């Protein structure tokens, strides 16, 4: 497993509470939900390689 970077994230209590509920609704930890949101945003913005496409072109 890749090493992960730790950092402090400051959120309003209201935002954190909503994020926490969203995570519970999707059976994730709050940290996992934040990571999922960030990865989705990066992918949607075209800042992450689509691993399936990369694998298809590597042959």
N, C-alpha and C. Protein backbone atom coordinates (compact mmCIF):
# COMPACT_ATOMS: atom_id res chain seq x y z
N UNK A 1 0.84 -1.18 0.00
CA UNK A 1 0.00 0.00 0.00
C UNK A 1 0.89 1.25 0.00
N UNK A 2 0.52 2.23 -0.78
CA UNK A 2 1.29 3.46 -0.86
C UNK A 2 1.22 4.24 0.45
N UNK A 3 2.33 4.88 0.76
CA UNK A 3 2.39 5.70 1.96
C UNK A 3 1.49 6.92 1.78
N UNK A 4 0.82 7.33 2.84
CA UNK A 4 -0.10 8.47 2.75
C UNK A 4 0.44 9.64 3.56
N UNK A 5 0.18 10.83 3.08
CA UNK A 5 0.61 12.07 3.72
C UNK A 5 -0.46 12.51 4.70
N UNK A 6 -0.06 12.89 5.89
CA UNK A 6 -0.99 13.41 6.90
C UNK A 6 -0.94 14.93 6.91
N UNK A 7 -2.10 15.56 7.10
CA UNK A 7 -2.15 17.01 7.22
C UNK A 7 -3.41 17.41 7.97
N UNK A 8 -3.43 18.64 8.45
CA UNK A 8 -4.58 19.16 9.19
C UNK A 8 -5.54 19.81 8.21
N UNK A 9 -6.82 19.54 8.37
CA UNK A 9 -7.86 20.16 7.55
C UNK A 9 -8.85 20.83 8.49
N UNK A 10 -9.04 22.12 8.30
CA UNK A 10 -9.97 22.86 9.14
C UNK A 10 -11.30 23.02 8.40
N UNK A 11 -12.37 22.59 9.05
CA UNK A 11 -13.72 22.70 8.49
C UNK A 11 -14.64 23.30 9.53
N UNK A 12 -15.70 23.94 9.06
CA UNK A 12 -16.70 24.42 10.02
C UNK A 12 -17.39 23.19 10.62
N UNK A 13 -17.89 23.32 11.83
CA UNK A 13 -18.59 22.18 12.44
C UNK A 13 -19.77 21.69 11.59
N UNK A 14 -20.47 22.62 10.94
CA UNK A 14 -21.61 22.24 10.11
C UNK A 14 -21.16 21.41 8.90
N UNK A 15 -20.08 21.85 8.26
CA UNK A 15 -19.55 21.11 7.10
C UNK A 15 -19.09 19.73 7.53
N UNK A 16 -18.39 19.66 8.65
CA UNK A 16 -17.91 18.37 9.13
C UNK A 16 -19.06 17.43 9.44
N UNK A 17 -20.10 17.95 10.07
CA UNK A 17 -21.25 17.12 10.41
C UNK A 17 -21.92 16.56 9.15
N UNK A 18 -22.07 17.39 8.12
CA UNK A 18 -22.67 16.94 6.86
C UNK A 18 -21.77 15.91 6.17
N UNK A 19 -20.48 16.14 6.20
CA UNK A 19 -19.51 15.22 5.61
C UNK A 19 -19.53 13.87 6.33
N UNK A 20 -19.61 13.95 7.65
CA UNK A 20 -19.66 12.74 8.47
C UNK A 20 -20.91 11.91 8.14
N UNK A 21 -22.05 12.58 8.01
CA UNK A 21 -23.30 11.88 7.67
C UNK A 21 -23.22 11.25 6.28
N UNK A 22 -22.65 11.99 5.33
CA UNK A 22 -22.49 11.47 3.97
C UNK A 22 -21.63 10.21 4.00
N UNK A 23 -20.55 10.25 4.77
CA UNK A 23 -19.66 9.09 4.88
C UNK A 23 -20.41 7.89 5.45
N UNK A 24 -21.17 8.10 6.50
CA UNK A 24 -21.94 7.00 7.10
C UNK A 24 -22.94 6.44 6.09
N UNK A 25 -23.60 7.31 5.34
CA UNK A 25 -24.57 6.87 4.33
C UNK A 25 -23.94 5.98 3.28
N UNK A 26 -22.65 6.18 3.00
CA UNK A 26 -21.96 5.41 1.97
C UNK A 26 -21.00 4.37 2.56
N UNK A 27 -21.15 4.11 3.86
CA UNK A 27 -20.37 3.08 4.55
C UNK A 27 -18.86 3.32 4.44
N UNK A 28 -18.46 4.58 4.58
CA UNK A 28 -17.04 4.95 4.58
C UNK A 28 -16.72 5.66 5.88
N UNK A 29 -15.42 5.71 6.19
CA UNK A 29 -14.98 6.57 7.29
C UNK A 29 -15.03 8.01 6.78
N UNK A 30 -15.01 8.96 7.68
CA UNK A 30 -14.99 10.37 7.26
C UNK A 30 -13.74 10.65 6.45
N UNK A 31 -12.61 10.14 6.89
CA UNK A 31 -11.36 10.33 6.15
C UNK A 31 -11.45 9.69 4.76
N UNK A 32 -12.01 8.50 4.69
CA UNK A 32 -12.19 7.83 3.41
C UNK A 32 -13.11 8.61 2.48
N UNK A 33 -14.13 9.23 3.04
CA UNK A 33 -15.05 10.03 2.24
C UNK A 33 -14.35 11.26 1.67
N UNK A 34 -13.54 11.92 2.48
CA UNK A 34 -12.79 13.09 2.01
C UNK A 34 -11.85 12.67 0.88
N UNK A 35 -11.16 11.55 1.06
CA UNK A 35 -10.25 11.07 0.02
C UNK A 35 -11.01 10.73 -1.26
N UNK A 36 -12.18 10.10 -1.13
CA UNK A 36 -13.00 9.76 -2.29
C UNK A 36 -13.43 11.03 -3.04
N UNK A 37 -13.88 12.04 -2.29
CA UNK A 37 -14.31 13.31 -2.90
C UNK A 37 -13.15 13.96 -3.64
N UNK A 38 -11.99 14.00 -3.01
CA UNK A 38 -10.82 14.63 -3.65
C UNK A 38 -10.40 13.86 -4.90
N UNK A 39 -10.36 12.54 -4.83
CA UNK A 39 -9.99 11.74 -6.00
C UNK A 39 -10.98 11.91 -7.14
N UNK A 40 -12.28 11.97 -6.82
CA UNK A 40 -13.30 12.18 -7.85
C UNK A 40 -13.13 13.56 -8.49
N UNK A 41 -12.88 14.58 -7.68
CA UNK A 41 -12.68 15.93 -8.21
C UNK A 41 -11.45 15.98 -9.12
N UNK A 42 -10.37 15.34 -8.71
CA UNK A 42 -9.16 15.30 -9.54
C UNK A 42 -9.41 14.59 -10.86
N UNK A 43 -10.13 13.48 -10.81
CA UNK A 43 -10.44 12.72 -12.02
C UNK A 43 -11.35 13.54 -12.94
N UNK A 44 -12.39 14.15 -12.37
CA UNK A 44 -13.33 14.95 -13.16
C UNK A 44 -12.64 16.15 -13.82
N UNK A 45 -11.60 16.67 -13.17
CA UNK A 45 -10.86 17.82 -13.70
C UNK A 45 -9.77 17.39 -14.68
N UNK A 46 -9.64 16.08 -14.89
CA UNK A 46 -8.63 15.58 -15.81
C UNK A 46 -7.22 15.64 -15.25
N UNK A 47 -7.11 15.63 -13.94
CA UNK A 47 -5.80 15.71 -13.30
C UNK A 47 -5.30 14.37 -12.80
N UNK A 48 -6.08 13.31 -13.01
CA UNK A 48 -5.65 11.95 -12.69
C UNK A 48 -5.72 11.14 -13.97
N UNK A 49 -4.75 10.26 -14.15
CA UNK A 49 -4.80 9.35 -15.29
C UNK A 49 -5.89 8.33 -15.04
N UNK A 50 -6.63 8.00 -16.07
CA UNK A 50 -7.60 6.92 -15.97
C UNK A 50 -6.81 5.62 -16.07
N UNK A 51 -6.71 4.89 -14.97
CA UNK A 51 -5.85 3.70 -14.90
C UNK A 51 -6.25 2.65 -15.93
N UNK A 52 -7.53 2.48 -16.22
CA UNK A 52 -7.96 1.49 -17.21
C UNK A 52 -7.45 1.86 -18.59
N UNK A 53 -7.56 3.13 -18.96
CA UNK A 53 -7.08 3.57 -20.26
C UNK A 53 -5.57 3.42 -20.35
N UNK A 54 -4.86 3.74 -19.28
CA UNK A 54 -3.40 3.60 -19.27
C UNK A 54 -3.00 2.14 -19.46
N UNK A 55 -3.72 1.23 -18.81
CA UNK A 55 -3.42 -0.19 -18.93
C UNK A 55 -3.68 -0.70 -20.34
N UNK A 56 -4.74 -0.21 -20.97
CA UNK A 56 -5.08 -0.65 -22.33
C UNK A 56 -4.01 -0.23 -23.34
N UNK A 57 -3.38 0.92 -23.14
CA UNK A 57 -2.40 1.43 -24.08
C UNK A 57 -0.98 0.92 -23.82
N UNK A 58 -0.79 0.18 -22.74
CA UNK A 58 0.55 -0.25 -22.38
C UNK A 58 0.97 -1.54 -23.10
N UNK A 59 0.09 -2.15 -23.85
CA UNK A 59 0.42 -3.42 -24.51
C UNK A 59 1.20 -3.22 -25.76
